[in-house]
All heavy atoms as atom14 arrays in JSON, in Angstrom:
{
  "sequence": "ARDIDPSASPLDYYSYELRRLREEAGLKQAQLGAIIFCTGSLIGM",
  "atom14_mask": [
    [1, 1, 1, 1, 1, 0, 0, 0, 0, 0, 0, 0, 0, 0],
    [1, 1, 1, 1, 1, 1, 1, 1, 1, 1, 1, 0, 0, 0],
    [1, 1, 1, 1, 1, 1, 1, 1, 0, 0, 0, 0, 0, 0],
    [1, 1, 1, 1, 1, 1, 1, 1, 0, 0, 0, 0, 0, 0],
    [1, 1, 1, 1, 1, 1, 1, 1, 0, 0, 0, 0, 0, 0],
    [1, 1, 1, 1, 1, 1, 1, 0, 0, 0, 0, 0, 0, 0],
    [1, 1, 1, 1, 1, 1, 0, 0, 0, 0, 0, 0, 0, 0],
    [1, 1, 1, 1, 1, 0, 0, 0, 0, 0, 0, 0, 0, 0],
    [1, 1, 1, 1, 1, 1, 0, 0, 0, 0, 0, 0, 0, 0],
    [1, 1, 1, 1, 1, 1, 1, 0, 0, 0, 0, 0, 0, 0],
    [1, 1, 1, 1, 1, 1, 1, 1, 0, 0, 0, 0, 0, 0],
    [1, 1, 1, 1, 1, 1, 1, 1, 0, 0, 0, 0, 0, 0],
    [1, 1, 1, 1, 1, 1, 1, 1, 1, 1, 1, 1, 0, 0],
    [1, 1, 1, 1, 1, 1, 1, 1, 1, 1, 1, 1, 0, 0],
    [1, 1, 1, 1, 1, 1, 0, 0, 0, 0, 0, 0, 0, 0],
    [1, 1, 1, 1, 1, 1, 1, 1, 1, 1, 1, 1, 0, 0],
    [1, 1, 1, 1, 1, 1, 1, 1, 1, 0, 0, 0, 0, 0],
    [1, 1, 1, 1, 1, 1, 1, 1, 0, 0, 0, 0, 0, 0],
    [1, 1, 1, 1, 1, 1, 1, 1, 1, 1, 1, 0, 0, 0],
    [1, 1, 1, 1, 1, 1, 1, 1, 1, 1, 1, 0, 0, 0],
    [1, 1, 1, 1, 1, 1, 1, 1, 0, 0, 0, 0, 0, 0],
    [1, 1, 1, 1, 1, 1, 1, 1, 1, 1, 1, 0, 0, 0],
    [1, 1, 1, 1, 1, 1, 1, 1, 1, 0, 0, 0, 0, 0],
    [1, 1, 1, 1, 1, 1, 1, 1, 1, 0, 0, 0, 0, 0],
    [1, 1, 1, 1, 1, 0, 0, 0, 0, 0, 0, 0, 0, 0],
    [1, 1, 1, 1, 0, 0, 0, 0, 0, 0, 0, 0, 0, 0],
    [1, 1, 1, 1, 1, 1, 1, 1, 0, 0, 0, 0, 0, 0],
    [1, 1, 1, 1, 1, 1, 1, 1, 1, 0, 0, 0, 0, 0],
    [1, 1, 1, 1, 1, 1, 1, 1, 1, 0, 0, 0, 0, 0],
    [1, 1, 1, 1, 1, 0, 0, 0, 0, 0, 0, 0, 0, 0],
    [1, 1, 1, 1, 1, 1, 1, 1, 1, 0, 0, 0, 0, 0],
    [1, 1, 1, 1, 1, 1, 1, 1, 0, 0, 0, 0, 0, 0],
    [1, 1, 1, 1, 0, 0, 0, 0, 0, 0, 0, 0, 0, 0],
    [1, 1, 1, 1, 1, 0, 0, 0, 0, 0, 0, 0, 0, 0],
    [1, 1, 1, 1, 1, 1, 1, 1, 0, 0, 0, 0, 0, 0],
    [1, 1, 1, 1, 1, 1, 1, 1, 0, 0, 0, 0, 0, 0],
    [1, 1, 1, 1, 1, 1, 1, 1, 1, 1, 1, 0, 0, 0],
    [1, 1, 1, 1, 1, 1, 0, 0, 0, 0, 0, 0, 0, 0],
    [1, 1, 1, 1, 1, 1, 1, 0, 0, 0, 0, 0, 0, 0],
    [1, 1, 1, 1, 0, 0, 0, 0, 0, 0, 0, 0, 0, 0],
    [1, 1, 1, 1, 1, 1, 0, 0, 0, 0, 0, 0, 0, 0],
    [1, 1, 1, 1, 1, 1, 1, 1, 0, 0, 0, 0, 0, 0],
    [1, 1, 1, 1, 1, 1, 1, 1, 0, 0, 0, 0, 0, 0],
    [1, 1, 1, 1, 0, 0, 0, 0, 0, 0, 0, 0, 0, 0],
    [1, 1, 1, 1, 1, 1, 1, 1, 0, 0, 0, 0, 0, 0]
  ],
  "atom14_positions": [
    [[7.21, 4.15, -5.78], [7.51, 3.29, -4.64], [8.89, 3.65, -4.08], [9.8, 4.02, -4.79], [7.5, 1.82, -5.07], [0.0, 0.0, 0.0], [0.0, 0.0, 0.0], [0.0, 0.0, 0.0], [0.0, 0.0, 0.0], [0.0, 0.0, 0.0], [0.0, 0.0, 0.0], [0.0, 0.0, 0.0], [0.0, 0.0, 0.0], [0.0, 0.0, 0.0]],
    [[9.03, 3.54, -2.79], [10.33, 3.72, -2.16], [10.58, 2.55, -1.23], [9.66, 1.85, -0.81], [10.41, 5.05, -1.39], [9.6, 5.11, -0.11], [9.82, 6.45, 0.59], [9.04, 6.56, 1.83], [9.45, 6.17, 3.03], [10.64, 5.57, 3.16], [8.69, 6.31, 4.09], [0.0, 0.0, 0.0], [0.0, 0.0, 0.0], [0.0, 0.0, 0.0]],
    [[11.83, 2.32, -0.93], [12.16, 1.23, -0.02], [11.63, 1.54, 1.37], [11.81, 2.64, 1.88], [13.68, 1.04, 0.03], [14.24, 0.51, -1.28], [13.47, -0.16, -2.0], [15.41, 0.78, -1.58], [0.0, 0.0, 0.0], [0.0, 0.0, 0.0], [0.0, 0.0, 0.0], [0.0, 0.0, 0.0], [0.0, 0.0, 0.0], [0.0, 0.0, 0.0]],
    [[10.96, 0.59, 1.95], [10.4, 0.75, 3.29], [11.05, -0.28, 4.21], [11.1, -1.47, 3.89], [8.87, 0.52, 3.28], [8.17, 1.65, 2.53], [8.33, 0.41, 4.7], [8.09, 2.95, 3.27], [0.0, 0.0, 0.0], [0.0, 0.0, 0.0], [0.0, 0.0, 0.0], [0.0, 0.0, 0.0], [0.0, 0.0, 0.0], [0.0, 0.0, 0.0]],
    [[11.56, 0.18, 5.34], [12.08, -0.72, 6.36], [10.95, -0.98, 7.35], [10.61, -0.1, 8.14], [13.27, -0.07, 7.07], [13.81, -0.94, 8.21], [13.29, -2.06, 8.41], [14.73, -0.47, 8.91], [0.0, 0.0, 0.0], [0.0, 0.0, 0.0], [0.0, 0.0, 0.0], [0.0, 0.0, 0.0], [0.0, 0.0, 0.0], [0.0, 0.0, 0.0]],
    [[10.33, -2.14, 7.33], [9.16, -2.38, 8.18], [9.45, -2.34, 9.67], [8.53, -2.23, 10.48], [8.69, -3.78, 7.75], [9.9, -4.42, 7.17], [10.68, -3.31, 6.52], [0.0, 0.0, 0.0], [0.0, 0.0, 0.0], [0.0, 0.0, 0.0], [0.0, 0.0, 0.0], [0.0, 0.0, 0.0], [0.0, 0.0, 0.0], [0.0, 0.0, 0.0]],
    [[10.73, -2.4, 10.04], [11.08, -2.36, 11.46], [11.33, -0.94, 11.97], [11.58, -0.74, 13.15], [12.32, -3.21, 11.73], [13.46, -2.66, 11.08], [0.0, 0.0, 0.0], [0.0, 0.0, 0.0], [0.0, 0.0, 0.0], [0.0, 0.0, 0.0], [0.0, 0.0, 0.0], [0.0, 0.0, 0.0], [0.0, 0.0, 0.0], [0.0, 0.0, 0.0]],
    [[11.26, 0.05, 11.07], [11.64, 1.41, 11.45], [10.6, 2.09, 12.34], [10.95, 2.86, 13.24], [11.88, 2.26, 10.2], [0.0, 0.0, 0.0], [0.0, 0.0, 0.0], [0.0, 0.0, 0.0], [0.0, 0.0, 0.0], [0.0, 0.0, 0.0], [0.0, 0.0, 0.0], [0.0, 0.0, 0.0], [0.0, 0.0, 0.0], [0.0, 0.0, 0.0]],
    [[9.33, 1.83, 12.1], [8.26, 2.48, 12.88], [6.95, 1.76, 12.6], [6.84, 1.01, 11.61], [8.14, 3.96, 12.48], [7.56, 4.07, 11.19], [0.0, 0.0, 0.0], [0.0, 0.0, 0.0], [0.0, 0.0, 0.0], [0.0, 0.0, 0.0], [0.0, 0.0, 0.0], [0.0, 0.0, 0.0], [0.0, 0.0, 0.0], [0.0, 0.0, 0.0]],
    [[5.93, 1.98, 13.43], [4.62, 1.38, 13.14], [4.08, 1.79, 11.77], [3.47, 0.98, 11.07], [3.74, 1.91, 14.28], [4.69, 2.12, 15.41], [5.95, 2.63, 14.75], [0.0, 0.0, 0.0], [0.0, 0.0, 0.0], [0.0, 0.0, 0.0], [0.0, 0.0, 0.0], [0.0, 0.0, 0.0], [0.0, 0.0, 0.0], [0.0, 0.0, 0.0]],
    [[4.28, 3.07, 11.39], [3.8, 3.52, 10.08], [4.53, 2.8, 8.94], [3.9, 2.39, 7.95], [3.97, 5.03, 9.94], [3.57, 5.63, 8.58], [2.12, 5.31, 8.25], [3.8, 7.14, 8.58], [0.0, 0.0, 0.0], [0.0, 0.0, 0.0], [0.0, 0.0, 0.0], [0.0, 0.0, 0.0], [0.0, 0.0, 0.0], [0.0, 0.0, 0.0]],
    [[5.85, 2.63, 9.08], [6.59, 1.93, 8.03], [6.16, 0.46, 7.92], [6.09, -0.09, 6.81], [8.1, 2.01, 8.31], [8.68, 3.37, 7.97], [8.22, 3.98, 6.99], [9.57, 3.83, 8.69], [0.0, 0.0, 0.0], [0.0, 0.0, 0.0], [0.0, 0.0, 0.0], [0.0, 0.0, 0.0], [0.0, 0.0, 0.0], [0.0, 0.0, 0.0]],
    [[5.86, -0.16, 9.05], [5.39, -1.55, 9.0], [4.03, -1.62, 8.3], [3.79, -2.49, 7.46], [5.3, -2.13, 10.41], [4.84, -3.57, 10.44], [5.58, -4.56, 9.8], [3.67, -3.94, 11.1], [5.17, -5.89, 9.81], [3.25, -5.25, 11.12], [4.0, -6.24, 10.47], [3.59, -7.54, 10.48], [0.0, 0.0, 0.0], [0.0, 0.0, 0.0]],
    [[3.15, -0.7, 8.64], [1.83, -0.64, 8.0], [1.99, -0.44, 6.49], [1.36, -1.14, 5.68], [1.03, 0.53, 8.6], [-0.42, 0.61, 8.17], [-1.44, 0.32, 9.05], [-0.76, 1.01, 6.87], [-2.77, 0.4, 8.66], [-2.09, 1.11, 6.48], [-3.09, 0.79, 7.38], [-4.42, 0.89, 7.0], [0.0, 0.0, 0.0], [0.0, 0.0, 0.0]],
    [[2.87, 0.51, 6.09], [3.08, 0.8, 4.67], [3.6, -0.44, 3.93], [3.13, -0.77, 2.83], [4.08, 1.95, 4.53], [3.61, 3.12, 5.17], [0.0, 0.0, 0.0], [0.0, 0.0, 0.0], [0.0, 0.0, 0.0], [0.0, 0.0, 0.0], [0.0, 0.0, 0.0], [0.0, 0.0, 0.0], [0.0, 0.0, 0.0], [0.0, 0.0, 0.0]],
    [[4.56, -1.11, 4.55], [5.14, -2.31, 3.96], [4.08, -3.39, 3.77], [3.99, -4.02, 2.7], [6.26, -2.82, 4.87], [6.95, -4.07, 4.4], [8.04, -4.02, 3.54], [6.51, -5.32, 4.85], [8.67, -5.19, 3.12], [7.12, -6.49, 4.43], [8.21, -6.42, 3.57], [8.82, -7.58, 3.15], [0.0, 0.0, 0.0], [0.0, 0.0, 0.0]],
    [[3.27, -3.6, 4.8], [2.23, -4.64, 4.75], [1.16, -4.3, 3.72], [0.64, -5.2, 3.04], [1.6, -4.81, 6.13], [2.49, -5.53, 7.12], [2.64, -6.99, 6.75], [1.74, -7.79, 7.09], [3.64, -7.36, 6.1], [0.0, 0.0, 0.0], [0.0, 0.0, 0.0], [0.0, 0.0, 0.0], [0.0, 0.0, 0.0], [0.0, 0.0, 0.0]],
    [[0.8, -3.04, 3.6], [-0.22, -2.65, 2.63], [0.25, -2.97, 1.21], [-0.49, -3.55, 0.42], [-0.54, -1.16, 2.77], [-1.58, -0.61, 1.79], [-2.91, -1.35, 1.91], [-1.8, 0.89, 2.01], [0.0, 0.0, 0.0], [0.0, 0.0, 0.0], [0.0, 0.0, 0.0], [0.0, 0.0, 0.0], [0.0, 0.0, 0.0], [0.0, 0.0, 0.0]],
    [[1.5, -2.6, 0.89], [2.01, -2.9, -0.45], [2.12, -4.41, -0.66], [1.73, -4.94, -1.72], [3.37, -2.25, -0.66], [4.0, -2.64, -2.01], [5.32, -1.93, -2.25], [5.09, -0.53, -2.47], [5.76, 0.45, -1.85], [6.7, 0.14, -0.98], [5.51, 1.7, -2.11], [0.0, 0.0, 0.0], [0.0, 0.0, 0.0], [0.0, 0.0, 0.0]],
    [[2.64, -5.11, 0.35], [2.85, -6.56, 0.21], [1.54, -7.28, -0.05], [1.43, -8.11, -0.98], [3.52, -7.11, 1.46], [3.8, -8.62, 1.41], [4.47, -9.09, 2.68], [3.58, -9.08, 3.84], [2.71, -10.05, 4.12], [2.61, -11.12, 3.32], [1.94, -9.97, 5.2], [0.0, 0.0, 0.0], [0.0, 0.0, 0.0], [0.0, 0.0, 0.0]],
    [[0.52, -6.98, 0.75], [-0.74, -7.71, 0.64], [-1.56, -7.25, -0.56], [-2.31, -8.04, -1.15], [-1.53, -7.55, 1.94], [-0.89, -8.25, 3.14], [-1.59, -7.89, 4.44], [-0.9, -9.77, 2.94], [0.0, 0.0, 0.0], [0.0, 0.0, 0.0], [0.0, 0.0, 0.0], [0.0, 0.0, 0.0], [0.0, 0.0, 0.0], [0.0, 0.0, 0.0]],
    [[-1.41, -5.99, -0.95], [-2.07, -5.54, -2.19], [-1.51, -6.27, -3.4], [-2.26, -6.75, -4.27], [-1.91, -4.03, -2.35], [-2.42, -3.51, -3.7], [-2.16, -2.03, -3.88], [-0.75, -1.68, -3.84], [0.11, -1.87, -4.85], [-0.28, -2.46, -5.98], [1.38, -1.49, -4.74], [0.0, 0.0, 0.0], [0.0, 0.0, 0.0], [0.0, 0.0, 0.0]],
    [[-0.17, -6.37, -3.45], [0.47, -7.04, -4.58], [0.15, -8.54, -4.59], [-0.03, -9.14, -5.66], [1.98, -6.8, -4.55], [2.35, -5.34, -4.85], [3.84, -5.07, -4.73], [4.56, -5.94, -4.17], [4.28, -4.0, -5.19], [0.0, 0.0, 0.0], [0.0, 0.0, 0.0], [0.0, 0.0, 0.0], [0.0, 0.0, 0.0], [0.0, 0.0, 0.0]],
    [[0.07, -9.14, -3.4], [-0.3, -10.56, -3.32], [-1.71, -10.79, -3.88], [-2.0, -11.84, -4.44], [-0.24, -11.05, -1.87], [1.16, -11.4, -1.4], [1.15, -12.05, -0.03], [0.05, -12.35, 0.47], [2.24, -12.27, 0.52], [0.0, 0.0, 0.0], [0.0, 0.0, 0.0], [0.0, 0.0, 0.0], [0.0, 0.0, 0.0], [0.0, 0.0, 0.0]],
    [[-2.58, -9.76, -3.69], [-3.95, -9.87, -4.19], [-4.03, -9.56, -5.69], [-5.11, -9.66, -6.29], [-4.86, -8.91, -3.43], [0.0, 0.0, 0.0], [0.0, 0.0, 0.0], [0.0, 0.0, 0.0], [0.0, 0.0, 0.0], [0.0, 0.0, 0.0], [0.0, 0.0, 0.0], [0.0, 0.0, 0.0], [0.0, 0.0, 0.0], [0.0, 0.0, 0.0]],
    [[-2.9, -9.18, -6.3], [-2.88, -8.91, -7.72], [-3.55, -7.6, -8.11], [-4.06, -7.48, -9.24], [0.0, 0.0, 0.0], [0.0, 0.0, 0.0], [0.0, 0.0, 0.0], [0.0, 0.0, 0.0], [0.0, 0.0, 0.0], [0.0, 0.0, 0.0], [0.0, 0.0, 0.0], [0.0, 0.0, 0.0], [0.0, 0.0, 0.0], [0.0, 0.0, 0.0]],
    [[-3.55, -6.64, -7.2], [-4.23, -5.37, -7.46], [-3.21, -4.24, -7.6], [-2.23, -4.17, -6.87], [-5.18, -5.03, -6.31], [-6.36, -5.97, -6.08], [-7.08, -5.59, -4.78], [-7.32, -5.92, -7.26], [0.0, 0.0, 0.0], [0.0, 0.0, 0.0], [0.0, 0.0, 0.0], [0.0, 0.0, 0.0], [0.0, 0.0, 0.0], [0.0, 0.0, 0.0]],
    [[-3.48, -3.35, -8.55], [-2.71, -2.12, -8.64], [-3.29, -1.12, -7.66], [-4.41, -1.29, -7.14], [-2.76, -1.57, -10.07], [-2.09, -2.47, -11.1], [-2.07, -1.82, -12.45], [-1.4, -2.72, -13.49], [-0.01, -3.03, -13.14], [0.0, 0.0, 0.0], [0.0, 0.0, 0.0], [0.0, 0.0, 0.0], [0.0, 0.0, 0.0], [0.0, 0.0, 0.0]],
    [[-2.53, -0.06, -7.38], [-3.0, 0.95, -6.42], [-4.35, 1.52, -6.82], [-5.25, 1.67, -5.98], [-1.97, 2.07, -6.29], [-0.66, 1.63, -5.63], [0.4, 2.71, -5.64], [0.24, 3.73, -6.29], [1.5, 2.46, -4.94], [0.0, 0.0, 0.0], [0.0, 0.0, 0.0], [0.0, 0.0, 0.0], [0.0, 0.0, 0.0], [0.0, 0.0, 0.0]],
    [[-4.51, 1.84, -8.1], [-5.77, 2.43, -8.56], [-6.93, 1.44, -8.42], [-8.07, 1.83, -8.11], [-5.64, 2.88, -10.01], [0.0, 0.0, 0.0], [0.0, 0.0, 0.0], [0.0, 0.0, 0.0], [0.0, 0.0, 0.0], [0.0, 0.0, 0.0], [0.0, 0.0, 0.0], [0.0, 0.0, 0.0], [0.0, 0.0, 0.0], [0.0, 0.0, 0.0]],
    [[-6.64, 0.16, -8.63], [-7.7, -0.85, -8.51], [-8.17, -0.99, -7.06], [-9.37, -1.06, -6.79], [-7.19, -2.19, -9.04], [-6.98, -2.21, -10.54], [-6.34, -3.51, -11.02], [-5.38, -4.0, -10.42], [-6.88, -4.08, -12.1], [0.0, 0.0, 0.0], [0.0, 0.0, 0.0], [0.0, 0.0, 0.0], [0.0, 0.0, 0.0], [0.0, 0.0, 0.0]],
    [[-7.21, -1.04, -6.14], [-7.59, -1.12, -4.73], [-8.33, 0.16, -4.33], [-9.34, 0.1, -3.6], [-6.36, -1.31, -3.84], [-6.61, -1.32, -2.33], [-7.59, -2.42, -1.96], [-5.31, -1.5, -1.56], [0.0, 0.0, 0.0], [0.0, 0.0, 0.0], [0.0, 0.0, 0.0], [0.0, 0.0, 0.0], [0.0, 0.0, 0.0], [0.0, 0.0, 0.0]],
    [[-7.85, 1.3, -4.8], [-8.53, 2.56, -4.49], [-9.97, 2.55, -4.95], [-10.87, 3.01, -4.23], [0.0, 0.0, 0.0], [0.0, 0.0, 0.0], [0.0, 0.0, 0.0], [0.0, 0.0, 0.0], [0.0, 0.0, 0.0], [0.0, 0.0, 0.0], [0.0, 0.0, 0.0], [0.0, 0.0, 0.0], [0.0, 0.0, 0.0], [0.0, 0.0, 0.0]],
    [[-10.23, 2.02, -6.14], [-11.6, 1.98, -6.66], [-12.49, 1.09, -5.79], [-13.67, 1.39, -5.57], [-11.59, 1.47, -8.11], [0.0, 0.0, 0.0], [0.0, 0.0, 0.0], [0.0, 0.0, 0.0], [0.0, 0.0, 0.0], [0.0, 0.0, 0.0], [0.0, 0.0, 0.0], [0.0, 0.0, 0.0], [0.0, 0.0, 0.0], [0.0, 0.0, 0.0]],
    [[-11.91, 0.02, -5.28], [-12.7, -0.9, -4.44], [-13.09, -0.25, -3.11], [-14.2, -0.45, -2.61], [-11.9, -2.19, -4.18], [-11.71, -2.96, -5.49], [-12.6, -3.08, -3.14], [-10.76, -4.15, -5.38], [0.0, 0.0, 0.0], [0.0, 0.0, 0.0], [0.0, 0.0, 0.0], [0.0, 0.0, 0.0], [0.0, 0.0, 0.0], [0.0, 0.0, 0.0]],
    [[-12.16, 0.52, -2.52], [-12.44, 1.09, -1.19], [-12.79, 2.58, -1.27], [-12.79, 3.27, -0.26], [-11.24, 0.88, -0.25], [-10.01, 1.65, -0.72], [-10.93, -0.6, -0.09], [-8.86, 1.58, 0.29], [0.0, 0.0, 0.0], [0.0, 0.0, 0.0], [0.0, 0.0, 0.0], [0.0, 0.0, 0.0], [0.0, 0.0, 0.0], [0.0, 0.0, 0.0]],
    [[-13.11, 3.05, -2.49], [-13.62, 4.41, -2.69], [-12.62, 5.49, -2.29], [-12.93, 6.42, -1.54], [-14.95, 4.61, -1.94], [-15.98, 3.57, -2.27], [-16.27, 2.55, -1.37], [-16.63, 3.59, -3.5], [-17.21, 1.57, -1.69], [-17.58, 2.61, -3.81], [-17.86, 1.61, -2.92], [0.0, 0.0, 0.0], [0.0, 0.0, 0.0], [0.0, 0.0, 0.0]],
    [[-11.4, 5.35, -2.76], [-10.41, 6.41, -2.6], [-9.52, 6.41, -3.84], [-9.68, 5.55, -4.71], [-9.59, 6.22, -1.33], [-8.39, 4.86, -1.39], [0.0, 0.0, 0.0], [0.0, 0.0, 0.0], [0.0, 0.0, 0.0], [0.0, 0.0, 0.0], [0.0, 0.0, 0.0], [0.0, 0.0, 0.0], [0.0, 0.0, 0.0], [0.0, 0.0, 0.0]],
    [[-8.62, 7.35, -3.93], [-7.76, 7.44, -5.11], [-6.56, 6.49, -4.99], [-6.11, 6.16, -3.9], [-7.24, 8.87, -5.3], [-6.41, 9.22, -4.18], [-8.39, 9.86, -5.42], [0.0, 0.0, 0.0], [0.0, 0.0, 0.0], [0.0, 0.0, 0.0], [0.0, 0.0, 0.0], [0.0, 0.0, 0.0], [0.0, 0.0, 0.0], [0.0, 0.0, 0.0]],
    [[-6.05, 6.11, -6.16], [-4.84, 5.31, -6.17], [-3.65, 6.07, -5.6], [-2.75, 5.47, -5.0], [0.0, 0.0, 0.0], [0.0, 0.0, 0.0], [0.0, 0.0, 0.0], [0.0, 0.0, 0.0], [0.0, 0.0, 0.0], [0.0, 0.0, 0.0], [0.0, 0.0, 0.0], [0.0, 0.0, 0.0], [0.0, 0.0, 0.0], [0.0, 0.0, 0.0]],
    [[-3.67, 7.4, -5.79], [-2.56, 8.2, -5.25], [-2.55, 8.17, -3.73], [-1.48, 8.2, -3.11], [-2.64, 9.64, -5.75], [-3.83, 10.27, -5.32], [0.0, 0.0, 0.0], [0.0, 0.0, 0.0], [0.0, 0.0, 0.0], [0.0, 0.0, 0.0], [0.0, 0.0, 0.0], [0.0, 0.0, 0.0], [0.0, 0.0, 0.0], [0.0, 0.0, 0.0]],
    [[-3.74, 8.11, -3.1], [-3.78, 7.99, -1.64], [-3.17, 6.67, -1.2], [-2.4, 6.62, -0.23], [-5.21, 8.12, -1.12], [-5.38, 7.92, 0.39], [-4.59, 8.96, 1.18], [-6.86, 7.96, 0.79], [0.0, 0.0, 0.0], [0.0, 0.0, 0.0], [0.0, 0.0, 0.0], [0.0, 0.0, 0.0], [0.0, 0.0, 0.0], [0.0, 0.0, 0.0]],
    [[-3.53, 5.59, -1.89], [-2.92, 4.29, -1.59], [-1.4, 4.41, -1.69], [-0.65, 3.94, -0.82], [-3.41, 3.21, -2.57], [-4.93, 3.07, -2.52], [-2.72, 1.87, -2.26], [-5.49, 2.5, -1.26], [0.0, 0.0, 0.0], [0.0, 0.0, 0.0], [0.0, 0.0, 0.0], [0.0, 0.0, 0.0], [0.0, 0.0, 0.0], [0.0, 0.0, 0.0]],
    [[-0.92, 5.07, -2.75], [0.51, 5.21, -2.94], [1.18, 6.0, -1.84], [2.27, 5.64, -1.37], [0.0, 0.0, 0.0], [0.0, 0.0, 0.0], [0.0, 0.0, 0.0], [0.0, 0.0, 0.0], [0.0, 0.0, 0.0], [0.0, 0.0, 0.0], [0.0, 0.0, 0.0], [0.0, 0.0, 0.0], [0.0, 0.0, 0.0], [0.0, 0.0, 0.0]],
    [[0.54, 7.09, -1.41], [1.13, 7.91, -0.34], [1.23, 7.14, 0.96], [2.21, 7.26, 1.7], [0.33, 9.2, -0.17], [0.58, 10.21, -1.26], [-0.18, 11.82, -0.94], [-1.91, 11.43, -1.23], [0.0, 0.0, 0.0], [0.0, 0.0, 0.0], [0.0, 0.0, 0.0], [0.0, 0.0, 0.0], [0.0, 0.0, 0.0], [0.0, 0.0, 0.0]]
  ]
}
């Protein structure tokens, strides 16, 4: 994980929101990846 400034760009805001809402759902990257049929590393990137 790296620090994301959600106001820096649309991509940074998207990245920030993805991590925030994934963590609120209690899911690790690999778990979310399994649900949506992609790798946890893609979620991380």
